[in-house]
Amino acid sequence: MRIVHFELPADEPARCMKFYEQAFGWKFQKWDGPMEYWMIQTGEGPGIDGGMGRREHPGQVPTNVVSVPSVDDTTRAILAAGGTQVMPKMAVPGVGWTAYFTDTEGNQFGVMQFDPAAA
């Protein structure tokens, strides 16, 4: 299983976009889903792209998202390994199923089961 996406929290999305556009040439496109979110294209070649949304709470940090074949099976494995679930499984319409956790060191990460039929 590999990291396939990252998420940046932003207090001021326009300011954040301007910074990454100027610093790295990243491109942002507003997502047409049910929440305020922008897709980030970081460039061509090796690497991953990401997304940006409004910061939901103080201390929220960038989050890596790992592609998994099953959110349910992976949740059980994460909990058995000592991780903690911080956001339950939820649908990302047209994309798949996601959930968020912390590892044994308190680092947050997400998992994504791609499924275009998720609603």
PDB file of N, CA and C in Angstrom:
ATOM      1  N   MET A   1       0.847  -1.174   0.000  1.00  0.00           N
ATOM      2  CA  MET A   1       0.000   0.000   0.000  1.00  0.00           C
ATOM      3  C   MET A   1       0.893   1.237   0.000  1.00  0.00           C
ATOM      4  N   ARG A   2       0.483   2.227  -0.778  1.00  0.00           N
ATOM      5  CA  ARG A   2       1.324   3.401  -0.991  1.00  0.00           C
ATOM      6  C   ARG A   2       0.581   4.686  -0.676  1.00  0.00           C
ATOM      7  N   ILE A   3       1.359   5.710  -0.349  1.00  0.00           N
ATOM      8  CA  ILE A   3       0.790   7.052  -0.211  1.00  0.00           C
ATOM      9  C   ILE A   3       0.406   7.521  -1.607  1.00  0.00           C
ATOM     10  N   VAL A   4      -0.848   7.951  -1.757  1.00  0.00           N
ATOM     11  CA  VAL A   4      -1.340   8.372  -3.069  1.00  0.00           C
ATOM     12  C   VAL A   4      -1.837   9.818  -3.096  1.00  0.00           C
ATOM     13  N   HIS A   5      -1.841  10.476  -1.929  1.00  0.00           N
ATOM     14  CA  HIS A   5      -2.456  11.800  -1.856  1.00  0.00           C
ATOM     15  C   HIS A   5      -1.966  12.456  -0.575  1.00  0.00           C
ATOM     16  N   PHE A   6      -1.884  13.761  -0.558  1.00  0.00           N
ATOM     17  CA  PHE A   6      -1.634  14.492   0.685  1.00  0.00           C
ATOM     18  C   PHE A   6      -2.673  15.587   0.804  1.00  0.00           C
ATOM     19  N   GLU A   7      -2.896  16.045   2.024  1.00  0.00           N
ATOM     20  CA  GLU A   7      -3.865  17.115   2.263  1.00  0.00           C
ATOM     21  C   GLU A   7      -3.208  18.224   3.077  1.00  0.00           C
ATOM     22  N   LEU A   8      -3.407  19.457   2.625  1.00  0.00           N
ATOM     23  CA  LEU A   8      -2.912  20.632   3.332  1.00  0.00           C
ATOM     24  C   LEU A   8      -4.078  21.358   3.982  1.00  0.00           C
ATOM     25  N   PRO A   9      -4.013  21.644   5.271  1.00  0.00           N
ATOM     26  CA  PRO A   9      -5.026  22.507   5.880  1.00  0.00           C
ATOM     27  C   PRO A   9      -4.620  23.966   5.683  1.00  0.00           C
ATOM     28  N   ALA A  10      -5.578  24.843   5.466  1.00  0.00           N
ATOM     29  CA  ALA A  10      -5.272  26.253   5.240  1.00  0.00           C
ATOM     30  C   ALA A  10      -6.252  27.147   5.980  1.00  0.00           C
ATOM     31  N   ASP A  11      -5.711  28.139   6.685  1.00  0.00           N
ATOM     32  CA  ASP A  11      -6.570  29.146   7.317  1.00  0.00           C
ATOM     33  C   ASP A  11      -7.139  30.082   6.254  1.00  0.00           C
ATOM     34  N   GLU A  12      -6.312  30.435   5.290  1.00  0.00           N
ATOM     35  CA  GLU A  12      -6.693  31.318   4.181  1.00  0.00           C
ATOM     36  C   GLU A  12      -6.339  30.607   2.872  1.00  0.00           C
ATOM     37  N   PRO A  13      -7.282  29.856   2.282  1.00  0.00           N
ATOM     38  CA  PRO A  13      -6.959  29.094   1.069  1.00  0.00           C
ATOM     39  C   PRO A  13      -6.318  29.922  -0.041  1.00  0.00           C
ATOM     40  N   ALA A  14      -6.789  31.131  -0.283  1.00  0.00           N
ATOM     41  CA  ALA A  14      -6.222  31.948  -1.367  1.00  0.00           C
ATOM     42  C   ALA A  14      -4.756  32.262  -1.091  1.00  0.00           C
ATOM     43  N   ARG A  15      -4.432  32.585   0.151  1.00  0.00           N
ATOM     44  CA  ARG A  15      -3.046  32.876   0.519  1.00  0.00           C
ATOM     45  C   ARG A  15      -2.175  31.624   0.355  1.00  0.00           C
ATOM     46  N   CYS A  16      -2.705  30.476   0.772  1.00  0.00           N
ATOM     47  CA  CYS A  16      -1.972  29.216   0.670  1.00  0.00           C
ATOM     48  C   CYS A  16      -1.713  28.868  -0.798  1.00  0.00           C
ATOM     49  N   MET A  17      -2.741  29.014  -1.640  1.00  0.00           N
ATOM     50  CA  MET A  17      -2.580  28.733  -3.069  1.00  0.00           C
ATOM     51  C   MET A  17      -1.502  29.626  -3.676  1.00  0.00           C
ATOM     52  N   LYS A  18      -1.560  30.909  -3.361  1.00  0.00           N
ATOM     53  CA  LYS A  18      -0.592  31.861  -3.913  1.00  0.00           C
ATOM     54  C   LYS A  18       0.831  31.445  -3.523  1.00  0.00           C
ATOM     55  N   PHE A  19       1.026  31.058  -2.269  1.00  0.00           N
ATOM     56  CA  PHE A  19       2.345  30.641  -1.811  1.00  0.00           C
ATOM     57  C   PHE A  19       2.872  29.468  -2.632  1.00  0.00           C
ATOM     58  N   TYR A  20       2.101  28.388  -2.735  1.00  0.00           N
ATOM     59  CA  TYR A  20       2.580  27.185  -3.425  1.00  0.00           C
ATOM     60  C   TYR A  20       2.683  27.374  -4.936  1.00  0.00           C
ATOM     61  N   GLU A  21       1.821  28.233  -5.494  1.00  0.00           N
ATOM     62  CA  GLU A  21       1.947  28.550  -6.918  1.00  0.00           C
ATOM     63  C   GLU A  21       3.269  29.279  -7.171  1.00  0.00           C
ATOM     64  N   GLN A  22       3.579  30.269  -6.325  1.00  0.00           N
ATOM     65  CA  GLN A  22       4.801  31.049  -6.512  1.00  0.00           C
ATOM     66  C   GLN A  22       6.056  30.257  -6.143  1.00  0.00           C
ATOM     67  N   ALA A  23       5.995  29.484  -5.059  1.00  0.00           N
ATOM     68  CA  ALA A  23       7.178  28.779  -4.579  1.00  0.00           C
ATOM     69  C   ALA A  23       7.531  27.572  -5.437  1.00  0.00           C
ATOM     70  N   PHE A  24       6.514  26.815  -5.881  1.00  0.00           N
ATOM     71  CA  PHE A  24       6.772  25.550  -6.570  1.00  0.00           C
ATOM     72  C   PHE A  24       6.089  25.398  -7.924  1.00  0.00           C
ATOM     73  N   GLY A  25       5.246  26.342  -8.302  1.00  0.00           N
ATOM     74  CA  GLY A  25       4.537  26.226  -9.566  1.00  0.00           C
ATOM     75  C   GLY A  25       3.357  25.264  -9.531  1.00  0.00           C
ATOM     76  N   TRP A  26       2.881  24.916  -8.332  1.00  0.00           N
ATOM     77  CA  TRP A  26       1.746  23.998  -8.209  1.00  0.00           C
ATOM     78  C   TRP A  26       0.492  24.645  -8.789  1.00  0.00           C
ATOM     79  N   LYS A  27      -0.413  23.808  -9.281  1.00  0.00           N
ATOM     80  CA  LYS A  27      -1.680  24.281  -9.854  1.00  0.00           C
ATOM     81  C   LYS A  27      -2.837  23.797  -8.972  1.00  0.00           C
ATOM     82  N   PHE A  28      -3.807  24.667  -8.755  1.00  0.00           N
ATOM     83  CA  PHE A  28      -4.960  24.370  -7.907  1.00  0.00           C
ATOM     84  C   PHE A  28      -6.237  24.424  -8.735  1.00  0.00           C
ATOM     85  N   GLN A  29      -7.135  23.492  -8.472  1.00  0.00           N
ATOM     86  CA  GLN A  29      -8.428  23.478  -9.147  1.00  0.00           C
ATOM     87  C   GLN A  29      -9.510  23.175  -8.106  1.00  0.00           C
ATOM     88  N   LYS A  30     -10.531  24.035  -8.063  1.00  0.00           N
ATOM     89  CA  LYS A  30     -11.632  23.845  -7.112  1.00  0.00           C
ATOM     90  C   LYS A  30     -12.324  22.524  -7.409  1.00  0.00           C
ATOM     91  N   TRP A  31     -12.521  21.726  -6.356  1.00  0.00           N
ATOM     92  CA  TRP A  31     -13.231  20.452  -6.468  1.00  0.00           C
ATOM     93  C   TRP A  31     -14.718  20.746  -6.455  1.00  0.00           C
ATOM     94  N   ASP A  32     -15.501  20.039  -7.261  1.00  0.00           N
ATOM     95  CA  ASP A  32     -16.942  20.301  -7.315  1.00  0.00           C
ATOM     96  C   ASP A  32     -17.727  19.375  -6.389  1.00  0.00           C
ATOM     97  N   GLY A  33     -17.085  18.840  -5.375  1.00  0.00           N
ATOM     98  CA  GLY A  33     -17.736  17.969  -4.400  1.00  0.00           C
ATOM     99  C   GLY A  33     -18.500  18.750  -3.345  1.00  0.00           C
ATOM    100  N   PRO A  34     -18.960  18.057  -2.314  1.00  0.00           N
ATOM    101  CA  PRO A  34     -19.852  18.658  -1.322  1.00  0.00           C
ATOM    102  C   PRO A  34     -19.166  19.525  -0.264  1.00  0.00           C
ATOM    103  N   MET A  35     -17.844  19.725  -0.359  1.00  0.00           N
ATOM    104  CA  MET A  35     -17.146  20.565   0.608  1.00  0.00           C
ATOM    105  C   MET A  35     -16.175  21.492  -0.103  1.00  0.00           C
ATOM    106  N   GLU A  36     -15.758  22.553   0.581  1.00  0.00           N
ATOM    107  CA  GLU A  36     -14.814  23.503   0.018  1.00  0.00           C
ATOM    108  C   GLU A  36     -13.429  22.845  -0.003  1.00  0.00           C
ATOM    109  N   TYR A  37     -12.946  22.527  -1.196  1.00  0.00           N
ATOM    110  CA  TYR A  37     -11.718  21.744  -1.338  1.00  0.00           C
ATOM    111  C   TYR A  37     -11.119  22.014  -2.702  1.00  0.00           C
ATOM    112  N   TRP A  38      -9.800  22.035  -2.772  1.00  0.00           N
ATOM    113  CA  TRP A  38      -9.090  22.263  -4.020  1.00  0.00           C
ATOM    114  C   TRP A  38      -8.156  21.092  -4.275  1.00  0.00           C
ATOM    115  N   MET A  39      -8.113  20.620  -5.507  1.00  0.00           N
ATOM    116  CA  MET A  39      -7.166  19.593  -5.910  1.00  0.00           C
ATOM    117  C   MET A  39      -5.856  20.294  -6.259  1.00  0.00           C
ATOM    118  N   ILE A  40      -4.736  19.658  -5.919  1.00  0.00           N
ATOM    119  CA  ILE A  40      -3.415  20.236  -6.162  1.00  0.00           C
ATOM    120  C   ILE A  40      -2.659  19.339  -7.136  1.00  0.00           C
ATOM    121  N   GLN A  41      -2.191  19.931  -8.239  1.00  0.00           N
ATOM    122  CA  GLN A  41      -1.318  19.225  -9.170  1.00  0.00           C
ATOM    123  C   GLN A  41       0.090  19.744  -8.926  1.00  0.00           C
ATOM    124  N   THR A  42       0.976  18.837  -8.471  1.00  0.00           N
ATOM    125  CA  THR A  42       2.326  19.244  -8.085  1.00  0.00           C
ATOM    126  C   THR A  42       3.321  19.189  -9.225  1.00  0.00           C
ATOM    127  N   GLY A  43       2.965  18.584 -10.349  1.00  0.00           N
ATOM    128  CA  GLY A  43       3.874  18.536 -11.485  1.00  0.00           C
ATOM    129  C   GLY A  43       3.795  17.214 -12.212  1.00  0.00           C
ATOM    130  N   GLU A  44       4.748  16.996 -13.105  1.00  0.00           N
ATOM    131  CA  GLU A  44       4.811  15.769 -13.903  1.00  0.00           C
ATOM    132  C   GLU A  44       5.889  14.855 -13.338  1.00  0.00           C
ATOM    133  N   GLY A  45       5.830  13.575 -13.688  1.00  0.00           N
ATOM    134  CA  GLY A  45       6.857  12.637 -13.264  1.00  0.00           C
ATOM    135  C   GLY A  45       6.591  12.056 -11.889  1.00  0.00           C
ATOM    136  N   PRO A  46       7.626  11.467 -11.260  1.00  0.00           N
ATOM    137  CA  PRO A  46       7.449  10.812  -9.963  1.00  0.00           C
ATOM    138  C   PRO A  46       6.934  11.792  -8.908  1.00  0.00           C
ATOM    139  N   GLY A  47       6.108  11.301  -8.034  1.00  0.00           N
ATOM    140  CA  GLY A  47       5.567  12.117  -6.961  1.00  0.00           C
ATOM    141  C   GLY A  47       4.078  11.925  -6.832  1.00  0.00           C
ATOM    142  N   ILE A  48       3.469  12.665  -5.944  1.00  0.00           N
ATOM    143  CA  ILE A  48       2.030  12.576  -5.735  1.00  0.00           C
ATOM    144  C   ILE A  48       1.406  13.955  -5.793  1.00  0.00           C
ATOM    145  N   ASP A  49       0.124  13.986  -6.062  1.00  0.00           N
ATOM    146  CA  ASP A  49      -0.645  15.211  -6.022  1.00  0.00           C
ATOM    147  C   ASP A  49      -1.424  15.231  -4.713  1.00  0.00           C
ATOM    148  N   GLY A  50      -2.139  16.301  -4.472  1.00  0.00           N
ATOM    149  CA  GLY A  50      -2.820  16.413  -3.194  1.00  0.00           C
ATOM    150  C   GLY A  50      -4.079  17.240  -3.260  1.00  0.00           C
ATOM    151  N   GLY A  51      -4.466  17.713  -2.110  1.00  0.00           N
ATOM    152  CA  GLY A  51      -5.655  18.538  -1.974  1.00  0.00           C
ATOM    153  C   GLY A  51      -5.483  19.516  -0.838  1.00  0.00           C
ATOM    154  N   MET A  52      -6.338  20.534  -0.813  1.00  0.00           N
ATOM    155  CA  MET A  52      -6.299  21.544   0.237  1.00  0.00           C
ATOM    156  C   MET A  52      -7.721  21.892   0.656  1.00  0.00           C
ATOM    157  N   GLY A  53      -7.940  21.975   1.943  1.00  0.00           N
ATOM    158  CA  GLY A  53      -9.216  22.409   2.484  1.00  0.00           C
ATOM    159  C   GLY A  53      -8.985  23.379   3.624  1.00  0.00           C
ATOM    160  N   ARG A  54     -10.055  23.968   4.110  1.00  0.00           N
ATOM    161  CA  ARG A  54      -9.925  24.887   5.239  1.00  0.00           C
ATOM    162  C   ARG A  54      -9.525  24.114   6.495  1.00  0.00           C
ATOM    163  N   ARG A  55      -8.661  24.717   7.292  1.00  0.00           N
ATOM    164  CA  ARG A  55      -8.240  24.121   8.557  1.00  0.00           C
ATOM    165  C   ARG A  55      -9.480  23.952   9.437  1.00  0.00           C
ATOM    166  N   GLU A  56      -9.670  22.756   9.951  1.00  0.00           N
ATOM    167  CA  GLU A  56     -10.850  22.448  10.761  1.00  0.00           C
ATOM    168  C   GLU A  56     -10.629  22.662  12.247  1.00  0.00           C
ATOM    169  N   HIS A  57      -9.376  22.640  12.712  1.00  0.00           N
ATOM    170  CA  HIS A  57      -9.096  22.848  14.133  1.00  0.00           C
ATOM    171  C   HIS A  57      -7.648  23.291  14.297  1.00  0.00           C
ATOM    172  N   PRO A  58      -7.344  24.041  15.366  1.00  0.00           N
ATOM    173  CA  PRO A  58      -5.965  24.471  15.604  1.00  0.00           C
ATOM    174  C   PRO A  58      -5.044  23.247  15.721  1.00  0.00           C
ATOM    175  N   GLY A  59      -3.866  23.374  15.204  1.00  0.00           N
ATOM    176  CA  GLY A  59      -2.914  22.279  15.280  1.00  0.00           C
ATOM    177  C   GLY A  59      -3.040  21.256  14.169  1.00  0.00           C
ATOM    178  N   GLN A  60      -4.029  21.414  13.296  1.00  0.00           N
ATOM    179  CA  GLN A  60      -4.181  20.476  12.177  1.00  0.00           C
ATOM    180  C   GLN A  60      -2.969  20.611  11.261  1.00  0.00           C
ATOM    181  N   VAL A  61      -2.399  19.484  10.884  1.00  0.00           N
ATOM    182  CA  VAL A  61      -1.170  19.470  10.083  1.00  0.00           C
ATOM    183  C   VAL A  61      -1.422  18.745   8.763  1.00  0.00           C
ATOM    184  N   PRO A  62      -0.482  18.845   7.800  1.00  0.00           N
ATOM    185  CA  PRO A  62      -0.635  18.090   6.558  1.00  0.00           C
ATOM    186  C   PRO A  62      -0.784  16.591   6.841  1.00  0.00           C
ATOM    187  N   THR A  63      -1.569  15.930   5.993  1.00  0.00           N
ATOM    188  CA  THR A  63      -1.909  14.528   6.203  1.00  0.00           C
ATOM    189  C   THR A  63      -1.639  13.730   4.938  1.00  0.00           C
ATOM    190  N   ASN A  64      -0.939  12.606   5.084  1.00  0.00           N
ATOM    191  CA  ASN A  64      -0.754  11.682   3.966  1.00  0.00           C
ATOM    192  C   ASN A  64      -1.927  10.719   3.911  1.00  0.00           C
ATOM    193  N   VAL A  65      -2.318  10.314   2.705  1.00  0.00           N
ATOM    194  CA  VAL A  65      -3.418   9.371   2.506  1.00  0.00           C
ATOM    195  C   VAL A  65      -2.869   8.148   1.771  1.00  0.00           C
ATOM    196  N   VAL A  66      -3.145   6.961   2.328  1.00  0.00           N
ATOM    197  CA  VAL A  66      -2.643   5.701   1.806  1.00  0.00           C
ATOM    198  C   VAL A  66      -3.769   4.972   1.083  1.00  0.00           C
ATOM    199  N   SER A  67      -3.501   4.487  -0.120  1.00  0.00           N
ATOM    200  CA  SER A  67      -4.475   3.690  -0.870  1.00  0.00           C
ATOM    201  C   SER A  67      -4.539   2.293  -0.262  1.00  0.00           C
ATOM    202  N   VAL A  68      -5.764   1.818   0.018  1.00  0.00           N
ATOM    203  CA  VAL A  68      -5.955   0.480   0.599  1.00  0.00           C
ATOM    204  C   VAL A  68      -7.054  -0.246  -0.167  1.00  0.00           C
ATOM    205  N   PRO A  69      -7.020  -1.589  -0.177  1.00  0.00           N
ATOM    206  CA  PRO A  69      -8.074  -2.332  -0.866  1.00  0.00           C
ATOM    207  C   PRO A  69      -9.391  -2.329  -0.105  1.00  0.00           C
ATOM    208  N   SER A  70      -9.342  -2.166   1.233  1.00  0.00           N
ATOM    209  CA  SER A  70     -10.551  -2.185   2.053  1.00  0.00           C
ATOM    210  C   SER A  70     -10.357  -1.311   3.288  1.00  0.00           C
ATOM    211  N   VAL A  71     -11.169  -0.269   3.431  1.00  0.00           N
ATOM    212  CA  VAL A  71     -11.101   0.569   4.630  1.00  0.00           C
ATOM    213  C   VAL A  71     -11.438  -0.263   5.866  1.00  0.00           C
ATOM    214  N   ASP A  72     -12.425  -1.129   5.768  1.00  0.00           N
ATOM    215  CA  ASP A  72     -12.831  -1.931   6.930  1.00  0.00           C
ATOM    216  C   ASP A  72     -11.709  -2.854   7.397  1.00  0.00           C
ATOM    217  N   ASP A  73     -11.089  -3.600   6.477  1.00  0.00           N
ATOM    218  CA  ASP A  73     -10.005  -4.507   6.850  1.00  0.00           C
ATOM    219  C   ASP A  73      -8.808  -3.727   7.385  1.00  0.00           C
ATOM    220  N   THR A  74      -8.495  -2.606   6.744  1.00  0.00           N
ATOM    221  CA  THR A  74      -7.355  -1.799   7.161  1.00  0.00           C
ATOM    222  C   THR A  74      -7.608  -1.176   8.530  1.00  0.00           C
ATOM    223  N   THR A  75      -8.836  -0.759   8.800  1.00  0.00           N
ATOM    224  CA  THR A  75      -9.170  -0.218  10.122  1.00  0.00           C
ATOM    225  C   THR A  75      -8.871  -1.250  11.201  1.00  0.00           C
ATOM    226  N   ARG A  76      -9.301  -2.478  10.978  1.00  0.00           N
ATOM    227  CA  ARG A  76      -9.032  -3.530  11.962  1.00  0.00           C
ATOM    228  C   ARG A  76      -7.524  -3.725  12.163  1.00  0.00           C
ATOM    229  N   ALA A  77      -6.755  -3.703  11.079  1.00  0.00           N
ATOM    230  CA  ALA A  77      -5.310  -3.891  11.175  1.00  0.00           C
ATOM    231  C   ALA A  77      -4.644  -2.724  11.914  1.00  0.00           C
ATOM    232  N   ILE A  78      -5.077  -1.504  11.629  1.00  0.00           N
ATOM    233  CA  ILE A  78      -4.509  -0.319  12.286  1.00  0.00           C
ATOM    234  C   ILE A  78      -4.785  -0.361  13.781  1.00  0.00           C
ATOM    235  N   LEU A  79      -6.020  -0.657  14.153  1.00  0.00           N
ATOM    236  CA  LEU A  79      -6.371  -0.714  15.574  1.00  0.00           C
ATOM    237  C   LEU A  79      -5.609  -1.824  16.284  1.00  0.00           C
ATOM    238  N   ALA A  80      -5.456  -2.976  15.636  1.00  0.00           N
ATOM    239  CA  ALA A  80      -4.712  -4.097  16.231  1.00  0.00           C
ATOM    240  C   ALA A  80      -3.233  -3.749  16.407  1.00  0.00           C
ATOM    241  N   ALA A  81      -2.706  -2.878  15.546  1.00  0.00           N
ATOM    242  CA  ALA A  81      -1.302  -2.486  15.629  1.00  0.00           C
ATOM    243  C   ALA A  81      -1.062  -1.369  16.638  1.00  0.00           C
ATOM    244  N   GLY A  82      -2.122  -0.857  17.253  1.00  0.00           N
ATOM    245  CA  GLY A  82      -1.976   0.190  18.259  1.00  0.00           C
ATOM    246  C   GLY A  82      -2.358   1.578  17.808  1.00  0.00           C
ATOM    247  N   GLY A  83      -2.890   1.706  16.587  1.00  0.00           N
ATOM    248  CA  GLY A  83      -3.339   3.008  16.104  1.00  0.00           C
ATOM    249  C   GLY A  83      -4.678   3.390  16.708  1.00  0.00           C
ATOM    250  N   THR A  84      -5.067   4.641  16.498  1.00  0.00           N
ATOM    251  CA  THR A  84      -6.324   5.178  17.014  1.00  0.00           C
ATOM    252  C   THR A  84      -7.118   5.780  15.862  1.00  0.00           C
ATOM    253  N   GLN A  85      -8.408   5.485  15.805  1.00  0.00           N
ATOM    254  CA  GLN A  85      -9.247   6.066  14.756  1.00  0.00           C
ATOM    255  C   GLN A  85      -9.715   7.438  15.224  1.00  0.00           C
ATOM    256  N   VAL A  86      -9.517   8.458  14.369  1.00  0.00           N
ATOM    257  CA  VAL A  86      -9.921   9.822  14.716  1.00  0.00           C
ATOM    258  C   VAL A  86     -11.088  10.320  13.878  1.00  0.00           C
ATOM    259  N   MET A  87     -11.378   9.637  12.761  1.00  0.00           N
ATOM    260  CA  MET A  87     -12.549   9.964  11.956  1.00  0.00           C
ATOM    261  C   MET A  87     -13.059   8.669  11.350  1.00  0.00           C
ATOM    262  N   PRO A  88     -14.341   8.365  11.541  1.00  0.00           N
ATOM    263  CA  PRO A  88     -14.871   7.094  11.041  1.00  0.00           C
ATOM    264  C   PRO A  88     -14.938   7.051   9.517  1.00  0.00           C
ATOM    265  N   LYS A  89     -15.155   5.866   9.009  1.00  0.00           N
ATOM    266  CA  LYS A  89     -15.304   5.653   7.567  1.00  0.00           C
ATOM    267  C   LYS A  89     -16.424   6.539   7.036  1.00  0.00           C
ATOM    268  N   MET A  90     -16.148   7.187   5.913  1.00  0.00           N
ATOM    269  CA  MET A  90     -17.173   8.018   5.266  1.00  0.00           C
ATOM    270  C   MET A  90     -16.958   7.974   3.768  1.00  0.00           C
ATOM    271  N   ALA A  91     -18.020   8.247   3.047  1.00  0.00           N
ATOM    272  CA  ALA A  91     -17.957   8.267   1.585  1.00  0.00           C
ATOM    273  C   ALA A  91     -17.449   9.621   1.103  1.00  0.00           C
ATOM    274  N   VAL A  92     -16.631   9.579   0.074  1.00  0.00           N
ATOM    275  CA  VAL A  92     -16.277  10.762  -0.706  1.00  0.00           C
ATOM    276  C   VAL A  92     -16.957  10.516  -2.050  1.00  0.00           C
ATOM    277  N   PRO A  93     -18.118  11.135  -2.270  1.00  0.00           N
ATOM    278  CA  PRO A  93     -18.933  10.804  -3.449  1.00  0.00           C
ATOM    279  C   PRO A  93     -18.139  10.810  -4.754  1.00  0.00           C
ATOM    280  N   GLY A  94     -18.265   9.706  -5.483  1.00  0.00           N
ATOM    281  CA  GLY A  94     -17.607   9.569  -6.768  1.00  0.00           C
ATOM    282  C   GLY A  94     -16.133   9.224  -6.698  1.00  0.00           C
ATOM    283  N   VAL A  95     -15.571   9.151  -5.477  1.00  0.00           N
ATOM    284  CA  VAL A  95     -14.140   8.873  -5.315  1.00  0.00           C
ATOM    285  C   VAL A  95     -13.926   7.557  -4.584  1.00  0.00           C
ATOM    286  N   GLY A  96     -14.498   7.439  -3.386  1.00  0.00           N
ATOM    287  CA  GLY A  96     -14.310   6.221  -2.613  1.00  0.00           C
ATOM    288  C   GLY A  96     -14.656   6.393  -1.145  1.00  0.00           C
ATOM    289  N   TRP A  97     -14.046   5.545  -0.324  1.00  0.00           N
ATOM    290  CA  TRP A  97     -14.296   5.526   1.121  1.00  0.00           C
ATOM    291  C   TRP A  97     -13.020   5.912   1.843  1.00  0.00           C
ATOM    292  N   THR A  98     -13.145   6.707   2.899  1.00  0.00           N
ATOM    293  CA  THR A  98     -11.970   7.169   3.620  1.00  0.00           C
ATOM    294  C   THR A  98     -12.208   7.101   5.116  1.00  0.00           C
ATOM    295  N   ALA A  99     -11.135   7.089   5.870  1.00  0.00           N
ATOM    296  CA  ALA A  99     -11.155   7.173   7.327  1.00  0.00           C
ATOM    297  C   ALA A  99      -9.797   7.724   7.753  1.00  0.00           C
ATOM    298  N   TYR A 100      -9.720   8.299   8.963  1.00  0.00           N
ATOM    299  CA  TYR A 100      -8.477   8.898   9.442  1.00  0.00           C
ATOM    300  C   TYR A 100      -8.095   8.317  10.795  1.00  0.00           C
ATOM    301  N   PHE A 101      -6.778   8.254  11.024  1.00  0.00           N
ATOM    302  CA  PHE A 101      -6.221   7.597  12.198  1.00  0.00           C
ATOM    303  C   PHE A 101      -5.001   8.363  12.697  1.00  0.00           C
ATOM    304  N   THR A 102      -4.509   7.979  13.874  1.00  0.00           N
ATOM    305  CA  THR A 102      -3.175   8.367  14.307  1.00  0.00           C
ATOM    306  C   THR A 102      -2.393   7.092  14.555  1.00  0.00           C
ATOM    307  N   ASP A 103      -1.084   7.174  14.314  1.00  0.00           N
ATOM    308  CA  ASP A 103      -0.224   6.032  14.587  1.00  0.00           C
ATOM    309  C   ASP A 103       0.177   6.039  16.064  1.00  0.00           C
ATOM    310  N   THR A 104       1.081   5.166  16.454  1.00  0.00           N
ATOM    311  CA  THR A 104       1.486   5.065  17.856  1.00  0.00           C
ATOM    312  C   THR A 104       2.248   6.289  18.340  1.00  0.00           C
ATOM    313  N   GLU A 105       2.706   7.149  17.405  1.00  0.00           N
ATOM    314  CA  GLU A 105       3.450   8.361  17.767  1.00  0.00           C
ATOM    315  C   GLU A 105       2.594   9.617  17.682  1.00  0.00           C
ATOM    316  N   GLY A 106       1.308   9.465  17.371  1.00  0.00           N
ATOM    317  CA  GLY A 106       0.408  10.609  17.276  1.00  0.00           C
ATOM    318  C   GLY A 106       0.358  11.265  15.913  1.00  0.00           C
ATOM    319  N   ASN A 107       0.995  10.677  14.899  1.00  0.00           N
ATOM    320  CA  ASN A 107       0.953  11.229  13.550  1.00  0.00           C
ATOM    321  C   ASN A 107      -0.354  10.843  12.875  1.00  0.00           C
ATOM    322  N   GLN A 108      -1.040  11.839  12.315  1.00  0.00           N
ATOM    323  CA  GLN A 108      -2.311  11.561  11.639  1.00  0.00           C
ATOM    324  C   GLN A 108      -2.063  11.121  10.198  1.00  0.00           C
ATOM    325  N   PHE A 109      -2.902  10.197   9.717  1.00  0.00           N
ATOM    326  CA  PHE A 109      -2.882   9.775   8.321  1.00  0.00           C
ATOM    327  C   PHE A 109      -4.279   9.315   7.949  1.00  0.00           C
ATOM    328  N   GLY A 110      -4.531   9.251   6.653  1.00  0.00           N
ATOM    329  CA  GLY A 110      -5.811   8.776   6.152  1.00  0.00           C
ATOM    330  C   GLY A 110      -5.615   7.541   5.297  1.00  0.00           C
ATOM    331  N   VAL A 111      -6.709   6.826   5.087  1.00  0.00           N
ATOM    332  CA  VAL A 111      -6.717   5.708   4.148  1.00  0.00           C
ATOM    333  C   VAL A 111      -7.853   5.952   3.150  1.00  0.00           C
ATOM    334  N   MET A 112      -7.671   5.468   1.920  1.00  0.00           N
ATOM    335  CA  MET A 112      -8.671   5.650   0.870  1.00  0.00           C
ATOM    336  C   MET A 112      -8.850   4.355   0.108  1.00  0.00           C
ATOM    337  N   GLN A 113     -10.083   3.906   0.064  1.00  0.00           N
ATOM    338  CA  GLN A 113     -10.477   2.764  -0.781  1.00  0.00           C
ATOM    339  C   GLN A 113     -11.180   3.362  -1.996  1.00  0.00           C
ATOM    340  N   PHE A 114     -10.531   3.342  -3.139  1.00  0.00           N
ATOM    341  CA  PHE A 114     -11.124   3.949  -4.326  1.00  0.00           C
ATOM    342  C   PHE A 114     -12.345   3.132  -4.767  1.00  0.00           C
ATOM    343  N   ASP A 115     -13.456   3.854  -4.965  1.00  0.00           N
ATOM    344  CA  ASP A 115     -14.721   3.232  -5.373  1.00  0.00           C
ATOM    345  C   ASP A 115     -15.608   4.332  -5.932  1.00  0.00           C
ATOM    346  N   PRO A 116     -15.667   4.476  -7.272  1.00  0.00           N
ATOM    347  CA  PRO A 116     -16.472   5.547  -7.875  1.00  0.00           C
ATOM    348  C   PRO A 116     -17.950   5.485  -7.516  1.00  0.00           C
ATOM    349  N   ALA A 117     -18.443   4.333  -7.027  1.00  0.00           N
ATOM    350  CA  ALA A 117     -19.848   4.209  -6.655  1.00  0.00           C
ATOM    351  C   ALA A 117     -20.133   4.695  -5.240  1.00  0.00           C
ATOM    352  N   ALA A 118     -19.096   5.102  -4.503  1.00  0.00           N
ATOM    353  CA  ALA A 118     -19.300   5.576  -3.112  1.00  0.00           C
ATOM    354  C   ALA A 118     -20.231   6.776  -3.121  1.00  0.00           C
ATOM    355  N   ALA A 119     -21.154   6.771  -2.167  1.00  0.00           N
ATOM    356  CA  ALA A 119     -22.091   7.903  -2.089  1.00  0.00           C
ATOM    357  C   ALA A 119     -22.336   8.276  -0.677  1.00  0.00           C
TER     358      ALA A 119
END
